[in-house]
Amino acid sequence: MQVNLNRQEKAIFISGSNMINIGSNLIFQNTNQAEVLIKQGLIRSPEDGTGWYNLGICMHQKCKIREAINCYEIGIANAANYRSLFTVNMAHDLLLIKDFQNGWKVYEE
């Protein structure tokens, strides 16, 4: 027996990490679609460090630097094993918004 599902129904069966992976592959081609997919994936898998990291990159690409920093902060809290990746990008973005004191502090950690 074959069951035909529409797109919305199929999305229910896609895991959070799969949605994050699909969205992550779109960051440099279609940041809007990447953002939607990664955010949907993070709703299902909020502890996914790759998701927070890639959402931060996506926000950076969209020049939403404060949102990118927020993603890295959440990622550090939820996925400590990715801390070094988050801190480098977070420090860079803090320096971009001219928060030099915190930017250099994060780099030195």
Protein backbone atom coordinates (compact mmCIF):
# COMPACT_ATOMS: atom_id res chain seq x y z
CA MET A 1 0.00 0.00 0.00
CA GLN A 2 1.41 3.39 -0.98
CA VAL A 3 0.41 6.55 0.82
CA ASN A 4 0.56 9.83 -1.07
CA LEU A 5 1.35 12.79 1.15
CA ASN A 6 1.27 16.47 0.25
CA ARG A 7 4.26 18.73 1.01
CA GLN A 8 2.93 19.84 4.36
CA GLU A 9 2.29 16.28 5.45
CA LYS A 10 5.76 15.19 4.30
CA ALA A 11 7.35 17.98 6.35
CA ILE A 12 5.91 16.44 9.50
CA PHE A 13 8.09 13.35 8.95
CA ILE A 14 11.34 15.24 8.34
CA SER A 15 13.49 15.34 11.45
CA GLY A 16 14.72 18.61 12.88
CA SER A 17 18.32 17.79 12.01
CA ASN A 18 17.37 16.99 8.40
CA MET A 19 15.57 20.33 8.08
CA ILE A 20 18.66 22.04 9.50
CA ASN A 21 20.91 20.24 7.02
CA ILE A 22 18.70 21.19 4.07
CA GLY A 23 18.54 24.81 5.21
CA SER A 24 22.26 24.94 5.89
CA ASN A 25 22.98 23.94 2.31
CA LEU A 26 20.99 26.97 1.13
CA ILE A 27 22.67 29.67 3.24
CA PHE A 28 24.67 31.19 0.40
CA GLN A 29 22.08 30.62 -2.36
CA ASN A 30 18.79 31.55 -0.67
CA THR A 31 19.17 32.99 2.82
CA ASN A 32 15.43 33.50 3.32
CA GLN A 33 14.61 29.87 2.62
CA ALA A 34 17.62 28.74 4.64
CA GLU A 35 16.45 30.78 7.62
CA VAL A 36 12.95 29.31 7.51
CA LEU A 37 14.17 25.72 7.27
CA ILE A 38 16.82 26.06 9.96
CA LYS A 39 14.37 27.74 12.35
CA GLN A 40 11.80 24.99 11.73
CA GLY A 41 14.49 22.40 12.40
CA LEU A 42 15.48 24.12 15.63
CA ILE A 43 11.88 24.03 16.84
CA ARG A 44 12.13 20.25 16.61
CA SER A 45 15.76 19.97 17.74
CA PRO A 46 16.66 23.01 19.88
CA GLU A 47 19.80 21.31 21.18
CA ASP A 48 21.28 20.97 17.67
CA GLY A 49 24.55 22.92 17.75
CA THR A 50 24.94 22.83 13.98
CA GLY A 51 21.55 24.48 13.64
CA TRP A 52 22.37 27.40 15.93
CA TYR A 53 25.77 27.82 14.31
CA ASN A 54 24.34 27.84 10.78
CA LEU A 55 21.42 30.08 11.75
CA GLY A 56 24.02 32.51 13.10
CA ILE A 57 25.86 32.40 9.77
CA CYS A 58 22.57 32.89 7.93
CA MET A 59 21.72 35.94 10.06
CA HIS A 60 25.22 37.29 9.48
CA GLN A 61 24.75 36.88 5.71
CA LYS A 62 21.49 38.84 6.00
CA CYS A 63 23.37 41.60 7.90
CA LYS A 64 21.34 40.84 11.03
CA ILE A 65 24.42 40.86 13.22
CA ARG A 66 22.71 41.13 16.60
CA GLU A 67 20.49 38.18 15.71
CA ALA A 68 23.58 36.22 14.67
CA ILE A 69 25.20 36.95 18.04
CA ASN A 70 22.02 35.80 19.77
CA CYS A 71 22.15 32.50 17.83
CA TYR A 72 25.73 31.93 18.94
CA GLU A 73 24.81 32.68 22.58
CA ILE A 74 21.92 30.21 22.46
CA GLY A 75 24.15 27.68 20.75
CA ILE A 76 26.79 27.94 23.46
CA ALA A 77 24.12 27.40 26.11
CA ASN A 78 22.57 24.41 24.31
CA ALA A 79 25.53 22.76 22.59
CA ALA A 80 28.73 23.35 24.54
CA ASN A 81 30.67 20.94 22.31
CA TYR A 82 30.57 23.59 19.54
CA ARG A 83 31.74 26.40 21.82
CA SER A 84 34.95 27.23 19.94
CA LEU A 85 33.08 27.61 16.63
CA PHE A 86 30.46 29.85 18.22
CA THR A 87 32.94 32.05 20.04
CA VAL A 88 35.04 32.85 16.96
CA ASN A 89 32.00 33.94 14.97
CA MET A 90 30.47 35.73 17.94
CA ALA A 91 33.67 37.66 18.60
CA HIS A 92 33.87 38.64 14.94
CA ASP A 93 30.27 39.87 14.94
CA LEU A 94 30.71 41.76 18.21
CA LEU A 95 33.65 43.59 16.63
CA LEU A 96 31.52 44.31 13.55
CA ILE A 97 28.96 46.13 15.69
CA LYS A 98 31.83 47.98 17.39
CA ASP A 99 31.42 46.23 20.75
CA PHE A 100 35.19 46.05 21.02
CA GLN A 101 35.38 45.30 24.74
CA ASN A 102 33.17 42.21 24.52
CA GLY A 103 34.48 41.19 21.10
CA TRP A 104 38.09 41.02 22.27
CA LYS A 105 37.03 39.42 25.54
CA VAL A 106 35.30 36.59 23.66
CA TYR A 107 38.34 36.14 21.38
CA GLU A 108 40.59 35.80 24.44
CA GLU A 109 38.42 33.16 26.14
